[in-house]
């Protein structure tokens, strides 16, 4: 992946109460933007240098089943900006930070390498649009 890129997706969680995630590469590591995580309605980038969304830096956002959402992630060398439905919800500093995939996600990028991925944890979700583009 380039050092600066955008990921745009449109998704609908059909049922369930758990999070969706977009897995991405930055700074040579893989992290995720989770929406409606930890059964607490927490959203944002995790894990940043071992800190997940429960340890601060998240923004509150609960998904409504059956509703379509537009998610834009702007990945830059020093930060990730997350917008939902055209509104910036959070900016996350990632400069010199290691990103990691947290439990309960079972994907290990060391075993199955990928630069981008999508996930829905125990909640059927339809991803209607998935696009990325180089930025900058």
C-alpha atoms as a PDB file:
ATOM      1  CA  UNK A   1       0.000   0.000   0.000  1.00  0.00           C
ATOM      2  CA  UNK A   2       1.136   3.579  -0.505  1.00  0.00           C
ATOM      3  CA  UNK A   3       1.889   5.650   2.598  1.00  0.00           C
ATOM      4  CA  UNK A   4      -1.185   7.846   1.995  1.00  0.00           C
ATOM      5  CA  UNK A   5      -4.477   6.364   0.869  1.00  0.00           C
ATOM      6  CA  UNK A   6      -8.229   6.466   1.469  1.00  0.00           C
ATOM      7  CA  UNK A   7     -10.611   3.570   2.037  1.00  0.00           C
ATOM      8  CA  UNK A   8     -14.295   4.118   1.325  1.00  0.00           C
ATOM      9  CA  UNK A   9     -16.967   1.573   2.179  1.00  0.00           C
ATOM     10  CA  UNK A  10     -20.726   1.470   2.435  1.00  0.00           C
ATOM     11  CA  UNK A  11     -22.100  -1.243   4.704  1.00  0.00           C
ATOM     12  CA  UNK A  12     -25.262  -2.363   6.478  1.00  0.00           C
ATOM     13  CA  UNK A  13     -25.192  -4.516   9.605  1.00  0.00           C
ATOM     14  CA  UNK A  14     -28.211  -6.741   9.036  1.00  0.00           C
ATOM     15  CA  UNK A  15     -28.567  -8.112  12.561  1.00  0.00           C
ATOM     16  CA  UNK A  16     -26.568  -8.673  15.704  1.00  0.00           C
ATOM     17  CA  UNK A  17     -24.904  -6.370  18.191  1.00  0.00           C
ATOM     18  CA  UNK A  18     -21.206  -6.669  17.424  1.00  0.00           C
ATOM     19  CA  UNK A  19     -18.666  -4.610  15.532  1.00  0.00           C
ATOM     20  CA  UNK A  20     -17.558  -4.322  11.950  1.00  0.00           C
ATOM     21  CA  UNK A  21     -13.940  -3.613  11.079  1.00  0.00           C
ATOM     22  CA  UNK A  22     -11.757  -2.398   8.271  1.00  0.00           C
ATOM     23  CA  UNK A  23      -8.225  -3.783   8.563  1.00  0.00           C
ATOM     24  CA  UNK A  24      -5.507  -1.595   7.080  1.00  0.00           C
ATOM     25  CA  UNK A  25      -1.749  -1.231   6.756  1.00  0.00           C
ATOM     26  CA  UNK A  26       0.197   1.778   8.047  1.00  0.00           C
ATOM     27  CA  UNK A  27       3.749   2.246   9.276  1.00  0.00           C
ATOM     28  CA  UNK A  28       4.568  -1.318   8.239  1.00  0.00           C
ATOM     29  CA  UNK A  29       1.973  -2.790  10.625  1.00  0.00           C
ATOM     30  CA  UNK A  30      -1.697  -3.796  10.437  1.00  0.00           C
ATOM     31  CA  UNK A  31      -4.468  -2.348  12.600  1.00  0.00           C
ATOM     32  CA  UNK A  32      -8.196  -1.894  12.337  1.00  0.00           C
ATOM     33  CA  UNK A  33     -10.904   0.701  12.471  1.00  0.00           C
ATOM     34  CA  UNK A  34     -13.682  -0.900  14.495  1.00  0.00           C
ATOM     35  CA  UNK A  35     -17.202   0.514  14.589  1.00  0.00           C
ATOM     36  CA  UNK A  36     -19.505  -0.300  17.551  1.00  0.00           C
ATOM     37  CA  UNK A  37     -16.975  -2.424  19.415  1.00  0.00           C
ATOM     38  CA  UNK A  38     -16.611  -4.131  22.785  1.00  0.00           C
ATOM     39  CA  UNK A  39     -20.400  -4.107  23.422  1.00  0.00           C
ATOM     40  CA  UNK A  40     -19.817  -0.489  24.506  1.00  0.00           C
ATOM     41  CA  UNK A  41     -20.509   1.345  21.248  1.00  0.00           C
ATOM     42  CA  UNK A  42     -16.833   2.319  20.945  1.00  0.00           C
ATOM     43  CA  UNK A  43     -15.314   3.148  17.584  1.00  0.00           C
ATOM     44  CA  UNK A  44     -11.922   4.126  16.219  1.00  0.00           C
ATOM     45  CA  UNK A  45      -8.455   2.757  15.497  1.00  0.00           C
ATOM     46  CA  UNK A  46      -7.211  -0.180  17.532  1.00  0.00           C
ATOM     47  CA  UNK A  47      -4.805  -1.307  18.669  1.00  0.00           C
ATOM     48  CA  UNK A  48      -2.290   1.566  18.807  1.00  0.00           C
ATOM     49  CA  UNK A  49       0.869   0.500  20.632  1.00  0.00           C
ATOM     50  CA  UNK A  50      -1.107  -2.046  22.653  1.00  0.00           C
ATOM     51  CA  UNK A  51      -4.042   0.253  23.549  1.00  0.00           C
ATOM     52  CA  UNK A  52      -7.467  -0.856  22.412  1.00  0.00           C
ATOM     53  CA  UNK A  53     -10.607   1.284  22.218  1.00  0.00           C
ATOM     54  CA  UNK A  54     -11.499   0.641  25.852  1.00  0.00           C
ATOM     55  CA  UNK A  55      -8.312   2.399  26.951  1.00  0.00           C
ATOM     56  CA  UNK A  56      -9.135   5.783  25.453  1.00  0.00           C
ATOM     57  CA  UNK A  57      -8.961   7.564  22.153  1.00  0.00           C
ATOM     58  CA  UNK A  58     -12.244   6.160  20.852  1.00  0.00           C
ATOM     59  CA  UNK A  59     -15.453   7.897  19.883  1.00  0.00           C
ATOM     60  CA  UNK A  60     -18.963   6.664  20.728  1.00  0.00           C
ATOM     61  CA  UNK A  61     -20.911   5.249  17.796  1.00  0.00           C
ATOM     62  CA  UNK A  62     -23.582   2.543  17.869  1.00  0.00           C
ATOM     63  CA  UNK A  63     -24.805   0.942  14.680  1.00  0.00           C
ATOM     64  CA  UNK A  64     -28.489   0.490  13.939  1.00  0.00           C
ATOM     65  CA  UNK A  65     -29.310  -2.776  12.226  1.00  0.00           C
ATOM     66  CA  UNK A  66     -30.734  -2.403   8.737  1.00  0.00           C
ATOM     67  CA  UNK A  67     -29.310   1.106   8.264  1.00  0.00           C
ATOM     68  CA  UNK A  68     -26.680   1.806   5.637  1.00  0.00           C
ATOM     69  CA  UNK A  69     -23.502   3.695   6.668  1.00  0.00           C
ATOM     70  CA  UNK A  70     -20.759   5.293   4.632  1.00  0.00           C
ATOM     71  CA  UNK A  71     -17.300   4.998   6.180  1.00  0.00           C
ATOM     72  CA  UNK A  72     -14.231   6.907   4.978  1.00  0.00           C
ATOM     73  CA  UNK A  73     -10.769   6.207   6.381  1.00  0.00           C
ATOM     74  CA  UNK A  74      -7.985   8.590   5.424  1.00  0.00           C
ATOM     75  CA  UNK A  75      -4.676   6.877   6.183  1.00  0.00           C
ATOM     76  CA  UNK A  76      -1.619   9.122   6.344  1.00  0.00           C
ATOM     77  CA  UNK A  77       1.883   8.475   7.740  1.00  0.00           C
ATOM     78  CA  UNK A  78       1.091  10.329  10.982  1.00  0.00           C
ATOM     79  CA  UNK A  79      -2.643   9.863  11.452  1.00  0.00           C
ATOM     80  CA  UNK A  80      -5.840   8.114  10.483  1.00  0.00           C
ATOM     81  CA  UNK A  81      -9.019  10.151  10.103  1.00  0.00           C
ATOM     82  CA  UNK A  82     -12.360   8.338  10.362  1.00  0.00           C
ATOM     83  CA  UNK A  83     -15.557   9.828   8.938  1.00  0.00           C
ATOM     84  CA  UNK A  84     -19.024   8.297   9.033  1.00  0.00           C
ATOM     85  CA  UNK A  85     -21.782   9.585   6.750  1.00  0.00           C
ATOM     86  CA  UNK A  86     -19.644  12.581   5.769  1.00  0.00           C
ATOM     87  CA  UNK A  87     -18.848  13.712   9.329  1.00  0.00           C
ATOM     88  CA  UNK A  88     -15.363  13.445  10.828  1.00  0.00           C
ATOM     89  CA  UNK A  89     -15.731  11.360  13.987  1.00  0.00           C
ATOM     90  CA  UNK A  90     -12.109  10.934  15.035  1.00  0.00           C
ATOM     91  CA  UNK A  91      -8.453  11.532  14.244  1.00  0.00           C
ATOM     92  CA  UNK A  92      -5.914   9.045  15.547  1.00  0.00           C
ATOM     93  CA  UNK A  93      -2.188   9.762  15.841  1.00  0.00           C
ATOM     94  CA  UNK A  94      -0.186   6.802  14.561  1.00  0.00           C
ATOM     95  CA  UNK A  95       3.233   8.351  13.934  1.00  0.00           C
ATOM     96  CA  UNK A  96       5.921   5.996  15.310  1.00  0.00           C
ATOM     97  CA  UNK A  97       3.155   3.748  16.698  1.00  0.00           C
ATOM     98  CA  UNK A  98       2.740   0.015  16.161  1.00  0.00           C
ATOM     99  CA  UNK A  99      -0.705  -1.150  15.079  1.00  0.00           C
ATOM    100  CA  UNK A 100      -2.006  -4.590  15.996  1.00  0.00           C
ATOM    101  CA  UNK A 101      -5.075  -6.775  15.538  1.00  0.00           C
ATOM    102  CA  UNK A 102      -6.860  -7.443  18.848  1.00  0.00           C
ATOM    103  CA  UNK A 103      -8.957 -10.362  20.079  1.00  0.00           C
ATOM    104  CA  UNK A 104     -11.586 -11.474  19.264  1.00  0.00           C
ATOM    105  CA  UNK A 105     -10.518 -11.012  15.638  1.00  0.00           C
ATOM    106  CA  UNK A 106      -8.773 -14.202  14.613  1.00  0.00           C
ATOM    107  CA  UNK A 107      -7.015 -12.979  11.477  1.00  0.00           C
ATOM    108  CA  UNK A 108      -3.248 -12.978  11.859  1.00  0.00           C
ATOM    109  CA  UNK A 109      -1.615 -10.814   9.141  1.00  0.00           C
ATOM    110  CA  UNK A 110       1.672 -12.644   9.800  1.00  0.00           C
ATOM    111  CA  UNK A 111       0.095 -15.920   8.660  1.00  0.00           C
ATOM    112  CA  UNK A 112      -2.293 -14.576   6.007  1.00  0.00           C
ATOM    113  CA  UNK A 113      -0.702 -11.400   4.636  1.00  0.00           C
ATOM    114  CA  UNK A 114      -3.055  -8.739   3.306  1.00  0.00           C
ATOM    115  CA  UNK A 115      -2.886  -4.970   3.055  1.00  0.00           C
ATOM    116  CA  UNK A 116      -6.633  -4.401   3.486  1.00  0.00           C
ATOM    117  CA  UNK A 117      -9.518  -6.464   4.815  1.00  0.00           C
ATOM    118  CA  UNK A 118     -13.092  -6.278   6.077  1.00  0.00           C
ATOM    119  CA  UNK A 119     -14.710  -8.027   9.002  1.00  0.00           C
ATOM    120  CA  UNK A 120     -17.977  -8.429  10.833  1.00  0.00           C
ATOM    121  CA  UNK A 121     -17.886 -10.076  14.237  1.00  0.00           C
ATOM    122  CA  UNK A 122     -20.853 -12.441  14.767  1.00  0.00           C
ATOM    123  CA  UNK A 123     -23.210  -9.974  13.076  1.00  0.00           C
ATOM    124  CA  UNK A 124     -24.213 -10.560   9.449  1.00  0.00           C
ATOM    125  CA  UNK A 125     -23.216  -7.468   7.482  1.00  0.00           C
ATOM    126  CA  UNK A 126     -23.535  -6.522   3.827  1.00  0.00           C
ATOM    127  CA  UNK A 127     -20.609  -4.530   2.405  1.00  0.00           C
ATOM    128  CA  UNK A 128     -22.097  -2.762  -0.607  1.00  0.00           C
ATOM    129  CA  UNK A 129     -19.066  -0.675  -1.632  1.00  0.00           C
ATOM    130  CA  UNK A 130     -15.389  -1.228  -0.922  1.00  0.00           C
ATOM    131  CA  UNK A 131     -12.925   1.097  -2.642  1.00  0.00           C
ATOM    132  CA  UNK A 132      -9.453   2.445  -2.015  1.00  0.00           C
ATOM    133  CA  UNK A 133      -7.389   5.096  -3.749  1.00  0.00           C
ATOM    134  CA  UNK A 134      -3.978   6.643  -3.425  1.00  0.00           C
ATOM    135  CA  UNK A 135      -4.124  10.104  -1.861  1.00  0.00           C
ATOM    136  CA  UNK A 136      -1.775  13.031  -1.687  1.00  0.00           C
END
